[in-house]
Amino acid sequence: MQLAHTISELNQALAVADAQGRRVGFVPTMGALHEGHLSLIRKAQADSLFVVVSIFVNPRQFGEGDDLRNYPRTLGVDARILTDLGVDVLFAPSVQEVYPESGVQEISAGELGQRLEGEFRPGHFDGMLTVVNRLFNLVGPDVAFFGAKDAQQLMLVKNMVRAQVANGDREPISIVGCETIRDSEGLALSSRNQRIPADQIPAARSIYRALVAGSKHKSRQDCLDAVTRELDPIIRLEYLELVDPETFAAAQSTEGDRLVIACWVGEVRLIDNLLLGGSA
């Protein structure tokens, strides 16, 4: 595996893919890797792509009160994991490398970016899209892989690339959404899970159980009520909604809608979702 900290080093590494005539698969992460991330990488490898993984804790998608300072940073451990997995390139740039003084193109998430996560984390999606766009420009992937746990993020990235291609601003990138990876009791894997105290893990595991309980009901209100009843009492809800999976506007409990939730387990904020009639 080649480790690149600078754009120059990244370009040298990407020259290998170009010389070999290989298509580039990209998995952007913020590190603290877990099986969810690794599943994205394995998917890219299964498609015989030249796999680039980035690790960059993006300050622009953490707002006031968010946990930027506490976000786990485990680059040494992550690099060993990626080496063992046979990743081609790890791109681990500094903030100055990603955001030079000359500035980068700012991307607005628009109306979709102001709903749900965007309402409770103002500016989060603008920062996310700005860094994803920047990384796409640096890596130049043919295919990029994202987890379905961050369903709103996934849709925003798809919309951004679709609009850029339509405007002639970018070559097409295939955005692949991959199924949420869960532990044996349904808890969606997240880098934040390592901050949940052991005695609160059972409460966190009630989130998926609650979503499944809600999915068994036909009416919207019965669906949301069932989720609320099933959640562990220590959980503090931030939002719980049934939405159209394309627009994330409020929807009825019909086949194909998505249950989305954000909540606090102690001092740790978790998100999850369930596609009704689906598995992601």
Protein backbone atom coordinates (compact mmCIF):
# COMPACT_ATOMS: atom_id res chain seq x y z
CA MET A 1 0.00 0.00 0.00
CA GLN A 2 1.20 3.48 -0.85
CA LEU A 3 0.69 6.18 1.80
CA ALA A 4 0.17 9.69 0.46
CA HIS A 5 0.02 12.75 2.68
CA THR A 6 0.32 15.35 -0.06
CA ILE A 7 -1.36 15.94 -3.40
CA SER A 8 1.97 15.38 -5.12
CA GLU A 9 2.35 11.97 -3.47
CA LEU A 10 -1.26 11.14 -4.36
CA ASN A 11 -0.65 12.00 -8.01
CA GLN A 12 2.42 9.76 -8.07
CA ALA A 13 0.36 6.90 -6.65
CA LEU A 14 -2.49 7.46 -9.10
CA ALA A 15 0.00 7.35 -11.98
CA VAL A 16 0.36 3.63 -11.23
CA ALA A 17 -3.35 3.08 -11.86
CA ASP A 18 -3.13 5.09 -15.06
CA ALA A 19 -0.12 3.08 -16.27
CA GLN A 20 -1.97 -0.15 -15.55
CA GLY A 21 -5.12 1.08 -17.28
CA ARG A 22 -7.15 0.43 -14.13
CA ARG A 23 -10.32 2.20 -13.06
CA VAL A 24 -10.13 3.97 -9.68
CA GLY A 25 -12.47 3.15 -6.82
CA PHE A 26 -12.62 5.64 -3.95
CA VAL A 27 -13.74 5.20 -0.35
CA PRO A 28 -13.71 8.51 1.58
CA THR A 29 -13.61 8.13 5.38
CA MET A 30 -12.81 10.08 8.51
CA GLY A 31 -10.85 7.16 9.93
CA ALA A 32 -11.42 5.10 13.09
CA LEU A 33 -12.15 2.31 10.63
CA HIS A 34 -14.64 -0.45 11.39
CA GLU A 35 -16.24 -3.30 9.49
CA GLY A 36 -18.67 -0.89 7.83
CA HIS A 37 -15.78 0.91 6.14
CA LEU A 38 -14.07 -2.36 5.29
CA SER A 39 -17.20 -3.63 3.58
CA LEU A 40 -17.03 -0.65 1.20
CA ILE A 41 -13.39 -1.40 0.45
CA ARG A 42 -14.09 -5.08 -0.20
CA LYS A 43 -16.88 -4.07 -2.57
CA ALA A 44 -14.43 -1.90 -4.50
CA GLN A 45 -11.86 -4.69 -4.58
CA ALA A 46 -14.47 -7.19 -5.76
CA ASP A 47 -14.98 -4.93 -8.78
CA SER A 48 -11.22 -5.15 -9.56
CA LEU A 49 -10.73 -1.42 -9.02
CA PHE A 50 -7.55 0.41 -8.02
CA VAL A 51 -8.69 1.31 -4.51
CA VAL A 52 -7.94 4.66 -2.89
CA VAL A 53 -9.09 5.23 0.71
CA SER A 54 -8.93 8.70 2.23
CA ILE A 55 -8.76 9.44 5.94
CA PHE A 56 -9.52 13.06 6.71
CA VAL A 57 -11.43 14.43 9.69
CA ASN A 58 -13.16 17.30 7.95
CA PRO A 59 -13.52 20.33 10.26
CA ARG A 60 -16.06 21.97 7.97
CA GLN A 61 -18.76 19.41 8.68
CA PHE A 62 -18.56 19.83 12.46
CA GLY A 63 -20.65 22.69 13.76
CA GLU A 64 -20.66 24.43 17.12
CA GLY A 65 -21.30 21.84 19.80
CA ASP A 66 -20.33 18.95 17.52
CA ASP A 67 -17.66 16.49 18.61
CA LEU A 68 -14.72 17.45 16.36
CA ARG A 69 -12.31 17.51 19.28
CA ASN A 70 -13.46 14.11 20.52
CA TYR A 71 -13.69 12.42 17.15
CA PRO A 72 -11.38 9.37 17.26
CA ARG A 73 -8.13 9.66 15.33
CA THR A 74 -6.37 6.32 14.86
CA LEU A 75 -4.29 6.75 11.70
CA GLY A 76 -1.58 4.27 12.69
CA VAL A 77 -4.06 1.49 13.44
CA ASP A 78 -6.12 2.35 10.35
CA ALA A 79 -3.04 2.24 8.10
CA ARG A 80 -2.17 -1.26 9.33
CA ILE A 81 -5.73 -2.43 8.69
CA LEU A 82 -5.68 -1.04 5.15
CA THR A 83 -2.26 -2.56 4.47
CA ASP A 84 -3.50 -5.97 5.57
CA LEU A 85 -6.58 -5.54 3.40
CA GLY A 86 -4.44 -4.83 0.33
CA VAL A 87 -5.66 -1.29 -0.38
CA ASP A 88 -3.65 0.36 -3.15
CA VAL A 89 -3.42 3.90 -1.74
CA LEU A 90 -4.18 5.58 1.58
CA PHE A 91 -4.54 9.34 1.19
CA ALA A 92 -4.23 11.01 4.60
CA PRO A 93 -3.84 14.74 3.94
CA SER A 94 -3.52 17.64 6.36
CA VAL A 95 -6.16 20.34 6.66
CA GLN A 96 -3.79 22.72 4.86
CA GLU A 97 -3.47 20.27 1.96
CA VAL A 98 -7.22 19.93 1.53
CA TYR A 99 -8.01 23.59 2.18
CA PRO A 100 -5.14 25.71 0.83
CA GLU A 101 -5.03 29.45 1.37
CA SER A 102 -6.08 29.95 -2.25
CA GLY A 103 -9.42 28.41 -1.27
CA VAL A 104 -11.59 25.66 -2.70
CA GLN A 105 -14.99 25.57 -4.37
CA GLU A 106 -17.76 25.82 -1.79
CA ILE A 107 -20.72 23.53 -2.40
CA SER A 108 -24.22 24.25 -1.08
CA ALA A 109 -26.45 21.34 -0.12
CA GLY A 110 -29.55 23.39 -0.92
CA GLU A 111 -33.00 22.67 0.44
CA LEU A 112 -32.41 18.95 1.01
CA GLY A 113 -29.38 19.83 3.10
CA GLN A 114 -31.54 21.87 5.49
CA ARG A 115 -33.81 18.99 6.48
CA LEU A 116 -33.33 16.47 9.30
CA GLU A 117 -29.54 16.32 9.84
CA GLY A 118 -29.21 19.72 8.21
CA GLU A 119 -31.74 21.27 10.58
CA PHE A 120 -29.98 20.01 13.69
CA ARG A 121 -26.46 20.44 12.32
CA PRO A 122 -26.52 23.70 10.31
CA GLY A 123 -23.82 23.82 7.66
CA HIS A 124 -22.93 20.15 8.10
CA PHE A 125 -23.93 19.09 4.61
CA ASP A 126 -22.36 22.12 2.95
CA GLY A 127 -19.08 21.14 4.61
CA MET A 128 -19.52 17.48 3.69
CA LEU A 129 -20.22 18.21 0.02
CA THR A 130 -17.38 20.73 -0.15
CA VAL A 131 -14.83 18.19 1.04
CA VAL A 132 -16.27 15.33 -1.05
CA ASN A 133 -16.13 17.54 -4.13
CA ARG A 134 -12.55 18.51 -3.29
CA LEU A 135 -11.52 14.88 -2.79
CA PHE A 136 -13.24 13.84 -6.01
CA ASN A 137 -11.26 16.51 -7.84
CA LEU A 138 -8.00 15.27 -6.30
CA VAL A 139 -8.56 11.52 -6.66
CA GLY A 140 -10.55 11.52 -9.92
CA PRO A 141 -12.40 8.28 -9.18
CA ASP A 142 -14.48 6.30 -11.62
CA VAL A 143 -16.53 4.83 -8.76
CA ALA A 144 -17.05 6.04 -5.16
CA PHE A 145 -18.54 4.04 -2.31
CA PHE A 146 -20.68 5.33 0.56
CA GLY A 147 -22.58 3.58 3.36
CA ALA A 148 -26.37 3.64 3.41
CA LYS A 149 -26.38 4.41 7.15
CA ASP A 150 -25.80 8.04 6.15
CA ALA A 151 -28.72 7.93 3.73
CA GLN A 152 -29.24 11.69 3.46
CA GLN A 153 -25.53 12.22 2.80
CA LEU A 154 -25.59 9.53 0.12
CA MET A 155 -28.51 11.19 -1.68
CA LEU A 156 -26.84 14.61 -1.54
CA VAL A 157 -23.62 13.25 -3.03
CA LYS A 158 -25.58 11.57 -5.83
CA ASN A 159 -27.45 14.82 -6.51
CA MET A 160 -24.21 16.84 -6.55
CA VAL A 161 -22.50 14.56 -9.04
CA ARG A 162 -25.61 14.32 -11.21
CA ALA A 163 -25.85 18.12 -11.42
CA GLN A 164 -22.13 18.55 -12.12
CA VAL A 165 -22.20 16.00 -14.92
CA ALA A 166 -25.30 17.61 -16.43
CA ASN A 167 -23.56 21.00 -16.37
CA GLY A 168 -20.42 19.58 -17.98
CA ASP A 169 -18.38 20.32 -14.84
CA ARG A 170 -17.33 16.74 -14.15
CA GLU A 171 -16.81 13.39 -15.81
CA PRO A 172 -19.39 10.84 -14.58
CA ILE A 173 -18.68 9.12 -11.28
CA SER A 174 -20.69 6.06 -10.31
CA ILE A 175 -21.86 6.57 -6.70
CA VAL A 176 -22.47 3.22 -5.04
CA GLY A 177 -24.52 3.04 -1.83
CA CYS A 178 -23.67 -0.02 0.26
CA GLU A 179 -25.82 -1.75 2.86
CA THR A 180 -25.50 -0.68 6.51
CA ILE A 181 -23.30 -3.08 8.47
CA ARG A 182 -24.60 -3.98 11.93
CA ASP A 183 -23.39 -5.93 14.93
CA SER A 184 -25.00 -9.22 15.93
CA GLU A 185 -27.87 -7.39 17.65
CA GLY A 186 -28.52 -4.80 14.97
CA LEU A 187 -26.52 -1.77 16.14
CA ALA A 188 -25.29 0.11 13.06
CA LEU A 189 -21.51 0.23 13.10
CA SER A 190 -20.10 3.71 13.58
CA SER A 191 -16.78 5.22 14.62
CA ARG A 192 -18.70 6.89 17.45
CA ASN A 193 -19.77 3.56 18.94
CA GLN A 194 -16.41 3.17 20.69
CA ARG A 195 -17.36 6.16 22.86
CA ILE A 196 -20.55 4.51 24.17
CA PRO A 197 -20.06 3.22 27.74
CA ALA A 198 -20.44 -0.54 28.00
CA ASP A 199 -23.50 -0.28 30.21
CA GLN A 200 -25.26 1.86 27.56
CA ILE A 201 -24.64 -0.46 24.60
CA PRO A 202 -27.95 -2.33 25.21
CA ALA A 203 -29.78 1.00 24.94
CA ALA A 204 -28.02 1.78 21.66
CA ARG A 205 -29.03 -1.63 20.33
CA SER A 206 -32.67 -0.79 20.91
CA ILE A 207 -32.51 1.71 18.02
CA TYR A 208 -32.58 -0.87 15.25
CA ARG A 209 -35.08 -3.01 17.13
CA ALA A 210 -37.33 0.05 17.33
CA LEU A 211 -37.04 0.78 13.62
CA VAL A 212 -37.98 -2.81 12.81
CA ALA A 213 -40.98 -2.54 15.14
CA GLY A 214 -42.11 0.61 13.35
CA SER A 215 -41.77 -1.00 9.94
CA LYS A 216 -44.52 -3.50 10.82
CA HIS A 217 -47.24 -0.84 10.90
CA LYS A 218 -49.23 0.53 7.99
CA SER A 219 -50.15 4.05 9.09
CA ARG A 220 -47.56 6.76 9.53
CA GLN A 221 -48.47 7.60 13.12
CA ASP A 222 -48.68 3.97 14.24
CA CYS A 223 -45.27 3.44 12.69
CA LEU A 224 -43.64 6.35 14.55
CA ASP A 225 -45.42 5.49 17.81
CA ALA A 226 -44.13 1.93 17.65
CA VAL A 227 -40.57 3.15 17.22
CA THR A 228 -40.87 5.47 20.21
CA ARG A 229 -42.31 2.73 22.43
CA GLU A 230 -39.51 0.32 21.60
CA LEU A 231 -36.63 2.74 22.25
CA ASP A 232 -34.77 2.33 25.53
CA PRO A 233 -35.93 5.00 28.04
CA ILE A 234 -32.45 6.53 28.36
CA ILE A 235 -32.39 7.49 24.67
CA ARG A 236 -33.02 11.15 23.89
CA LEU A 237 -34.64 11.62 20.50
CA GLU A 238 -33.45 14.43 18.27
CA TYR A 239 -35.62 13.52 15.32
CA LEU A 240 -37.67 10.56 14.16
CA GLU A 241 -39.32 10.77 10.75
CA LEU A 242 -40.75 8.76 7.90
CA VAL A 243 -39.49 10.24 4.63
CA ASP A 244 -39.43 9.83 0.91
CA PRO A 245 -35.99 8.26 0.20
CA GLU A 246 -35.29 10.64 -2.70
CA THR A 247 -36.41 14.00 -1.30
CA PHE A 248 -36.39 13.29 2.46
CA ALA A 249 -39.70 15.11 2.72
CA ALA A 250 -42.26 13.66 5.15
CA ALA A 251 -43.98 10.62 3.66
CA GLN A 252 -46.69 8.10 4.42
CA SER A 253 -45.96 4.55 5.52
CA THR A 254 -45.86 3.04 2.07
CA GLU A 255 -43.50 0.49 0.57
CA GLY A 256 -40.18 2.13 -0.17
CA ASP A 257 -40.30 4.99 2.35
CA ARG A 258 -37.47 5.36 4.83
CA LEU A 259 -37.56 5.61 8.63
CA VAL A 260 -34.78 7.91 9.85
CA ILE A 261 -33.66 8.64 13.37
CA ALA A 262 -31.07 10.69 15.24
CA CYS A 263 -30.74 10.32 18.98
CA TRP A 264 -28.41 10.56 21.93
CA VAL A 265 -27.20 7.62 23.96
CA GLY A 266 -25.60 9.36 26.89
CA GLU A 267 -23.09 11.78 25.36
CA VAL A 268 -22.94 10.04 21.98
CA ARG A 269 -25.10 11.05 19.03
CA LEU A 270 -26.15 8.22 16.72
CA ILE A 271 -28.09 8.07 13.47
CA ASP A 272 -29.76 5.14 11.75
CA ASN A 273 -32.42 4.42 9.16
CA LEU A 274 -34.46 1.62 7.70
CA LEU A 275 -35.86 1.39 4.19
CA LEU A 276 -39.36 -0.05 4.48
CA GLY A 277 -39.49 -3.17 2.39
CA GLY A 278 -35.69 -3.06 2.05
CA SER A 279 -32.60 -4.03 4.02
CA ALA A 280 -30.30 -0.99 3.81
